[in-house]
Amino acid sequence: MIKRTLTILSFVFVLFLISKTSFSQSLYFCEGVDDNGNAIGASSTFYIPSGGGYFYFLIKLPYEIGCSYVAYELYDVDYNNYETYNTTIDHTGLTSSWVWFWKKVTFYSPGYYHVYVRDCFNYTITDAYLTVKYK
């Protein structure tokens, strides 16, 4: 009886994990985005020349965005994991029915960043960490 209960609980837990990952919002950093909204060359680390370089922020949602803009808030993260506000990048021109969208972003400075994506209601819809290094 205990073995059967543990098996059922394990099965329910696995289903929960699958549903959690299948329906979660995601922020990808990538070299490009294809026509189907898939990241090309996704990574959490990018190398830029000393004069600056760009890559893309790709947002994928399990629901329609419901907003005409989002904001990307960038924070510098130090070796103690303390975050200091760096800048906000606005992304306007979204269509409220979109479930994925991307923005080309240029970086001029290396660093370790925490990027928060906030919708038009100022809710954080997703976030991710990013490392930018010089080539």
N, C-alpha and C. Protein backbone atom coordinates (compact mmCIF):
# COMPACT_ATOMS: atom_id res chain seq x y z
N MET A 1 0.82 -1.20 0.00
CA MET A 1 0.00 0.00 0.00
C MET A 1 0.87 1.27 0.00
N ILE A 2 1.92 1.27 0.81
CA ILE A 2 2.82 2.43 0.87
C ILE A 2 3.55 2.59 -0.46
N LYS A 3 3.97 1.47 -1.03
CA LYS A 3 4.69 1.53 -2.31
C LYS A 3 3.79 2.11 -3.40
N ARG A 4 2.52 1.71 -3.41
CA ARG A 4 1.58 2.21 -4.41
C ARG A 4 1.34 3.71 -4.20
N THR A 5 1.20 4.15 -2.97
CA THR A 5 0.99 5.56 -2.66
C THR A 5 2.20 6.39 -3.11
N LEU A 6 3.41 5.89 -2.83
CA LEU A 6 4.62 6.60 -3.26
C LEU A 6 4.71 6.67 -4.77
N THR A 7 4.30 5.61 -5.45
CA THR A 7 4.33 5.61 -6.91
C THR A 7 3.36 6.65 -7.46
N ILE A 8 2.16 6.71 -6.89
CA ILE A 8 1.18 7.68 -7.34
C ILE A 8 1.66 9.11 -7.07
N LEU A 9 2.21 9.35 -5.88
CA LEU A 9 2.74 10.68 -5.56
C LEU A 9 3.87 11.07 -6.49
N SER A 10 4.73 10.12 -6.80
CA SER A 10 5.84 10.40 -7.73
C SER A 10 5.30 10.76 -9.11
N PHE A 11 4.29 10.05 -9.56
CA PHE A 11 3.69 10.31 -10.85
C PHE A 11 3.07 11.71 -10.88
N VAL A 12 2.33 12.07 -9.84
CA VAL A 12 1.72 13.39 -9.75
C VAL A 12 2.78 14.48 -9.74
N PHE A 13 3.87 14.26 -9.02
CA PHE A 13 4.97 15.23 -8.97
C PHE A 13 5.58 15.43 -10.34
N VAL A 14 5.82 14.35 -11.07
CA VAL A 14 6.39 14.45 -12.42
C VAL A 14 5.44 15.21 -13.34
N LEU A 15 4.14 14.95 -13.25
CA LEU A 15 3.17 15.68 -14.07
C LEU A 15 3.18 17.17 -13.72
N PHE A 16 3.31 17.48 -12.44
CA PHE A 16 3.39 18.87 -12.01
C PHE A 16 4.61 19.55 -12.62
N LEU A 17 5.76 18.90 -12.58
CA LEU A 17 6.98 19.47 -13.15
C LEU A 17 6.85 19.70 -14.64
N ILE A 18 6.25 18.73 -15.33
CA ILE A 18 6.08 18.86 -16.78
C ILE A 18 5.16 20.04 -17.09
N SER A 19 4.05 20.14 -16.36
CA SER A 19 3.13 21.25 -16.63
C SER A 19 3.75 22.59 -16.27
N LYS A 20 4.55 22.62 -15.22
CA LYS A 20 5.20 23.87 -14.79
C LYS A 20 6.17 24.35 -15.86
N THR A 21 6.96 23.45 -16.42
CA THR A 21 7.93 23.85 -17.43
C THR A 21 7.27 24.09 -18.78
N SER A 22 6.17 23.40 -19.07
CA SER A 22 5.51 23.56 -20.35
C SER A 22 4.77 24.88 -20.47
N PHE A 23 4.31 25.42 -19.35
CA PHE A 23 3.47 26.60 -19.39
C PHE A 23 4.12 27.80 -18.72
N SER A 24 5.42 27.82 -18.65
CA SER A 24 6.07 28.95 -17.98
C SER A 24 6.54 29.97 -19.01
N GLN A 25 6.66 31.20 -18.55
CA GLN A 25 7.18 32.28 -19.36
C GLN A 25 8.69 32.14 -19.43
N SER A 26 9.28 32.51 -20.56
CA SER A 26 10.72 32.35 -20.71
C SER A 26 11.34 33.57 -21.38
N LEU A 27 12.52 33.90 -20.91
CA LEU A 27 13.36 34.94 -21.53
C LEU A 27 14.60 34.24 -22.03
N TYR A 28 14.84 34.35 -23.34
CA TYR A 28 16.02 33.77 -23.96
C TYR A 28 16.91 34.90 -24.46
N PHE A 29 18.21 34.71 -24.34
CA PHE A 29 19.19 35.59 -24.95
C PHE A 29 19.75 34.79 -26.12
N CYS A 30 19.77 35.38 -27.32
CA CYS A 30 20.14 34.59 -28.49
C CYS A 30 20.74 35.46 -29.59
N GLU A 31 21.33 34.78 -30.57
CA GLU A 31 21.95 35.45 -31.72
C GLU A 31 20.93 35.85 -32.77
N GLY A 32 19.75 35.23 -32.72
CA GLY A 32 18.70 35.53 -33.68
C GLY A 32 17.43 34.79 -33.30
N VAL A 33 16.36 35.08 -34.04
CA VAL A 33 15.06 34.46 -33.81
C VAL A 33 14.50 34.06 -35.17
N ASP A 34 14.06 32.79 -35.30
CA ASP A 34 13.50 32.37 -36.58
C ASP A 34 12.03 32.80 -36.70
N ASP A 35 11.43 32.50 -37.85
CA ASP A 35 10.06 32.95 -38.13
C ASP A 35 9.01 32.30 -37.23
N ASN A 36 9.37 31.22 -36.56
CA ASN A 36 8.44 30.53 -35.66
C ASN A 36 8.66 30.90 -34.20
N GLY A 37 9.52 31.87 -33.94
CA GLY A 37 9.76 32.31 -32.58
C GLY A 37 10.73 31.45 -31.81
N ASN A 38 11.58 30.73 -32.51
CA ASN A 38 12.59 29.89 -31.85
C ASN A 38 13.92 30.63 -31.79
N ALA A 39 14.59 30.48 -30.67
CA ALA A 39 15.89 31.12 -30.48
C ALA A 39 16.95 30.45 -31.33
N ILE A 40 17.80 31.27 -31.96
CA ILE A 40 18.95 30.77 -32.72
C ILE A 40 20.19 31.16 -31.91
N GLY A 41 20.99 30.18 -31.54
CA GLY A 41 22.20 30.44 -30.77
C GLY A 41 21.93 30.95 -29.37
N ALA A 42 20.97 30.35 -28.68
CA ALA A 42 20.63 30.78 -27.33
C ALA A 42 21.77 30.51 -26.37
N SER A 43 21.99 31.44 -25.45
CA SER A 43 23.05 31.31 -24.46
C SER A 43 22.78 32.29 -23.32
N SER A 44 23.43 32.06 -22.20
CA SER A 44 23.36 33.03 -21.11
C SER A 44 24.65 33.83 -21.02
N THR A 45 25.60 33.55 -21.94
CA THR A 45 26.86 34.29 -22.00
C THR A 45 27.11 34.73 -23.44
N PHE A 46 27.43 36.03 -23.60
CA PHE A 46 27.73 36.57 -24.92
C PHE A 46 29.03 37.35 -24.88
N TYR A 47 29.76 37.28 -25.99
CA TYR A 47 31.03 37.99 -26.13
C TYR A 47 30.83 39.11 -27.13
N ILE A 48 31.22 40.32 -26.72
CA ILE A 48 31.06 41.49 -27.57
C ILE A 48 32.41 42.14 -27.82
N PRO A 49 32.57 42.85 -28.95
CA PRO A 49 33.79 43.60 -29.17
C PRO A 49 33.85 44.81 -28.21
N SER A 50 35.02 45.40 -28.06
CA SER A 50 35.18 46.52 -27.13
C SER A 50 34.31 47.72 -27.50
N GLY A 51 33.92 47.84 -28.77
CA GLY A 51 33.04 48.93 -29.19
C GLY A 51 31.56 48.64 -28.99
N GLY A 52 31.24 47.46 -28.50
CA GLY A 52 29.85 47.08 -28.27
C GLY A 52 29.39 46.02 -29.25
N GLY A 53 28.34 45.35 -28.88
CA GLY A 53 27.78 44.30 -29.73
C GLY A 53 26.34 44.04 -29.33
N TYR A 54 25.61 43.40 -30.23
CA TYR A 54 24.19 43.19 -29.96
C TYR A 54 23.85 41.71 -30.00
N PHE A 55 22.74 41.39 -29.39
CA PHE A 55 22.08 40.10 -29.48
C PHE A 55 20.62 40.35 -29.18
N TYR A 56 19.83 39.31 -29.07
CA TYR A 56 18.39 39.47 -28.97
C TYR A 56 17.85 38.97 -27.63
N PHE A 57 16.79 39.63 -27.16
CA PHE A 57 16.00 39.16 -26.03
C PHE A 57 14.71 38.58 -26.65
N LEU A 58 14.45 37.30 -26.42
CA LEU A 58 13.26 36.63 -26.92
C LEU A 58 12.38 36.25 -25.73
N ILE A 59 11.14 36.68 -25.76
CA ILE A 59 10.17 36.36 -24.72
C ILE A 59 9.16 35.39 -25.30
N LYS A 60 8.91 34.28 -24.60
CA LYS A 60 7.89 33.31 -25.00
C LYS A 60 6.95 33.13 -23.81
N LEU A 61 5.65 33.25 -24.10
CA LEU A 61 4.63 33.20 -23.06
C LEU A 61 3.61 32.10 -23.36
N PRO A 62 2.99 31.53 -22.34
CA PRO A 62 1.92 30.56 -22.56
C PRO A 62 0.55 31.23 -22.70
N TYR A 63 0.56 32.55 -22.83
CA TYR A 63 -0.68 33.32 -22.94
C TYR A 63 -0.38 34.56 -23.77
N GLU A 64 -1.42 35.26 -24.19
CA GLU A 64 -1.25 36.51 -24.94
C GLU A 64 -0.75 37.59 -24.00
N ILE A 65 0.15 38.44 -24.48
CA ILE A 65 0.76 39.46 -23.63
C ILE A 65 -0.26 40.45 -23.09
N GLY A 66 -1.26 40.83 -23.87
CA GLY A 66 -2.29 41.74 -23.39
C GLY A 66 -1.80 43.16 -23.17
N CYS A 67 -0.68 43.52 -23.74
CA CYS A 67 -0.08 44.85 -23.59
C CYS A 67 0.50 45.30 -24.92
N SER A 68 0.70 46.62 -25.05
CA SER A 68 1.33 47.15 -26.26
C SER A 68 2.81 47.45 -26.02
N TYR A 69 3.28 47.24 -24.79
CA TYR A 69 4.70 47.44 -24.51
C TYR A 69 5.11 46.64 -23.28
N VAL A 70 6.41 46.40 -23.19
CA VAL A 70 7.03 45.84 -21.99
C VAL A 70 8.29 46.65 -21.73
N ALA A 71 8.85 46.46 -20.55
CA ALA A 71 10.11 47.11 -20.19
C ALA A 71 11.08 46.05 -19.72
N TYR A 72 12.32 46.16 -20.18
CA TYR A 72 13.39 45.28 -19.72
C TYR A 72 14.21 46.07 -18.71
N GLU A 73 14.18 45.67 -17.47
CA GLU A 73 14.97 46.35 -16.44
C GLU A 73 16.24 45.54 -16.22
N LEU A 74 17.37 46.22 -16.40
CA LEU A 74 18.66 45.57 -16.23
C LEU A 74 19.29 46.00 -14.92
N TYR A 75 19.78 45.02 -14.19
CA TYR A 75 20.48 45.25 -12.93
C TYR A 75 21.86 44.62 -13.02
N ASP A 76 22.86 45.35 -12.56
CA ASP A 76 24.21 44.79 -12.43
C ASP A 76 24.20 43.90 -11.18
N VAL A 77 24.84 42.74 -11.28
CA VAL A 77 24.92 41.82 -10.15
C VAL A 77 26.39 41.70 -9.77
N ASP A 78 26.72 41.99 -8.49
CA ASP A 78 28.11 41.90 -8.06
C ASP A 78 28.42 40.51 -7.51
N TYR A 79 29.64 40.32 -7.04
CA TYR A 79 30.10 39.01 -6.57
C TYR A 79 29.36 38.53 -5.32
N ASN A 80 28.67 39.42 -4.62
CA ASN A 80 27.85 39.03 -3.47
C ASN A 80 26.38 38.84 -3.86
N ASN A 81 26.11 38.83 -5.16
CA ASN A 81 24.75 38.74 -5.71
C ASN A 81 23.88 39.94 -5.34
N TYR A 82 24.51 41.07 -5.05
CA TYR A 82 23.79 42.31 -4.79
C TYR A 82 23.47 42.96 -6.12
N GLU A 83 22.22 43.37 -6.31
CA GLU A 83 21.79 43.96 -7.57
C GLU A 83 21.71 45.48 -7.47
N THR A 84 22.26 46.14 -8.49
CA THR A 84 22.21 47.60 -8.60
C THR A 84 21.55 47.94 -9.92
N TYR A 85 20.55 48.80 -9.88
CA TYR A 85 19.85 49.20 -11.10
C TYR A 85 20.82 49.78 -12.11
N ASN A 86 20.67 49.36 -13.37
CA ASN A 86 21.51 49.85 -14.45
C ASN A 86 20.70 50.72 -15.42
N THR A 87 19.70 50.13 -16.05
CA THR A 87 18.90 50.87 -17.03
C THR A 87 17.60 50.14 -17.33
N THR A 88 16.71 50.84 -18.00
CA THR A 88 15.46 50.25 -18.50
C THR A 88 15.42 50.44 -20.00
N ILE A 89 15.07 49.38 -20.71
CA ILE A 89 14.92 49.42 -22.16
C ILE A 89 13.44 49.18 -22.46
N ASP A 90 12.81 50.17 -23.08
CA ASP A 90 11.39 50.04 -23.43
C ASP A 90 11.24 49.30 -24.75
N HIS A 91 10.19 48.50 -24.82
CA HIS A 91 9.87 47.76 -26.04
C HIS A 91 8.41 48.07 -26.37
N THR A 92 8.21 49.00 -27.28
CA THR A 92 6.87 49.42 -27.67
C THR A 92 6.46 48.75 -28.98
N GLY A 93 5.21 48.94 -29.35
CA GLY A 93 4.72 48.42 -30.62
C GLY A 93 4.30 46.97 -30.59
N LEU A 94 4.12 46.40 -29.41
CA LEU A 94 3.65 45.02 -29.32
C LEU A 94 2.17 44.95 -29.64
N THR A 95 1.73 43.82 -30.11
CA THR A 95 0.31 43.55 -30.31
C THR A 95 -0.16 42.70 -29.14
N SER A 96 -1.29 43.04 -28.55
CA SER A 96 -1.73 42.40 -27.31
C SER A 96 -1.94 40.89 -27.45
N SER A 97 -2.14 40.39 -28.65
CA SER A 97 -2.37 38.96 -28.85
C SER A 97 -1.09 38.14 -29.01
N TRP A 98 0.06 38.79 -29.03
CA TRP A 98 1.32 38.08 -29.22
C TRP A 98 1.63 37.17 -28.03
N VAL A 99 2.19 36.00 -28.34
CA VAL A 99 2.64 35.07 -27.30
C VAL A 99 4.16 34.95 -27.31
N TRP A 100 4.80 35.53 -28.29
CA TRP A 100 6.26 35.65 -28.31
C TRP A 100 6.64 36.91 -29.07
N PHE A 101 7.78 37.48 -28.68
CA PHE A 101 8.29 38.68 -29.31
C PHE A 101 9.76 38.83 -28.94
N TRP A 102 10.48 39.62 -29.71
CA TRP A 102 11.92 39.78 -29.48
C TRP A 102 12.33 41.23 -29.65
N LYS A 103 13.49 41.53 -29.08
CA LYS A 103 14.07 42.88 -29.22
C LYS A 103 15.59 42.73 -29.37
N LYS A 104 16.13 43.48 -30.33
CA LYS A 104 17.57 43.54 -30.53
C LYS A 104 18.13 44.53 -29.51
N VAL A 105 19.10 44.09 -28.71
CA VAL A 105 19.66 44.94 -27.65
C VAL A 105 21.17 45.02 -27.82
N THR A 106 21.70 46.24 -27.73
CA THR A 106 23.14 46.45 -27.84
C THR A 106 23.74 46.66 -26.46
N PHE A 107 24.85 45.98 -26.19
CA PHE A 107 25.60 46.14 -24.95
C PHE A 107 26.96 46.73 -25.27
N TYR A 108 27.41 47.63 -24.41
CA TYR A 108 28.71 48.26 -24.57
C TYR A 108 29.67 47.88 -23.46
N SER A 109 29.15 47.34 -22.37
CA SER A 109 29.98 47.02 -21.20
C SER A 109 29.81 45.57 -20.79
N PRO A 110 30.92 44.93 -20.43
CA PRO A 110 30.81 43.57 -19.91
C PRO A 110 30.21 43.60 -18.51
N GLY A 111 29.70 42.48 -18.07
CA GLY A 111 29.16 42.39 -16.72
C GLY A 111 28.24 41.21 -16.55
N TYR A 112 27.79 41.07 -15.34
CA TYR A 112 26.82 40.03 -14.99
C TYR A 112 25.53 40.76 -14.67
N TYR A 113 24.47 40.44 -15.40
CA TYR A 113 23.22 41.19 -15.32
C TYR A 113 22.05 40.30 -14.93
N HIS A 114 21.09 40.89 -14.26
CA HIS A 114 19.79 40.26 -14.02
C HIS A 114 18.78 41.10 -14.79
N VAL A 115 18.08 40.46 -15.72
CA VAL A 115 17.12 41.16 -16.57
C VAL A 115 15.71 40.75 -16.15
N TYR A 116 14.91 41.76 -15.82
CA TYR A 116 13.50 41.55 -15.49
C TYR A 116 12.66 42.09 -16.64
N VAL A 117 11.65 41.34 -17.04
CA VAL A 117 10.72 41.80 -18.07
C VAL A 117 9.41 42.15 -17.37
N ARG A 118 9.03 43.42 -17.46
CA ARG A 118 7.82 43.90 -16.81
C ARG A 118 6.80 44.30 -17.87
N ASP A 119 5.56 43.88 -17.67
CA ASP A 119 4.51 44.20 -18.63
C ASP A 119 3.93 45.60 -18.38
N CYS A 120 2.90 45.96 -19.13
CA CYS A 120 2.31 47.31 -19.02
C CYS A 120 1.59 47.54 -17.70
N PHE A 121 1.39 46.49 -16.92
CA PHE A 121 0.79 46.62 -15.59
C PHE A 121 1.86 46.61 -14.50
N ASN A 122 3.13 46.62 -14.93
CA ASN A 122 4.30 46.60 -14.05
C ASN A 122 4.48 45.27 -13.31
N TYR A 123 3.91 44.20 -13.86
CA TYR A 123 4.14 42.86 -13.31
C TYR A 123 5.37 42.26 -13.96
N THR A 124 6.17 41.57 -13.18
CA THR A 124 7.32 40.85 -13.74
C THR A 124 6.79 39.58 -14.38
N ILE A 125 6.94 39.49 -15.71
CA ILE A 125 6.44 38.30 -16.40
C ILE A 125 7.50 37.22 -16.53
N THR A 126 8.76 37.61 -16.51
CA THR A 126 9.85 36.64 -16.51
C THR A 126 11.15 37.38 -16.20
N ASP A 127 12.19 36.63 -15.90
CA ASP A 127 13.51 37.22 -15.65
C ASP A 127 14.58 36.16 -15.92
N ALA A 128 15.80 36.61 -16.11
CA ALA A 128 16.91 35.69 -16.35
C ALA A 128 18.22 36.43 -16.10
N TYR A 129 19.28 35.65 -15.90
CA TYR A 129 20.62 36.20 -15.68
C TYR A 129 21.41 36.10 -16.99
N LEU A 130 22.29 37.07 -17.17
CA LEU A 130 23.06 37.21 -18.40
C LEU A 130 24.49 37.63 -18.08
N THR A 131 25.45 37.01 -18.75
CA THR A 131 26.85 37.41 -18.64
C THR A 131 27.31 37.96 -19.98
N VAL A 132 27.90 39.14 -19.96
CA VAL A 132 28.45 39.76 -21.17
C VAL A 132 29.95 39.96 -20.92
N LYS A 133 30.75 39.47 -21.88
CA LYS A 133 32.21 39.58 -21.76
C LYS A 133 32.77 40.19 -23.04
N TYR A 134 33.94 40.80 -22.92
CA TYR A 134 34.66 41.27 -24.11
C TYR A 134 35.32 40.09 -24.80
N LYS A 135 35.39 40.18 -26.13
CA LYS A 135 36.09 39.16 -26.92
C LYS A 135 37.56 39.22 -26.66
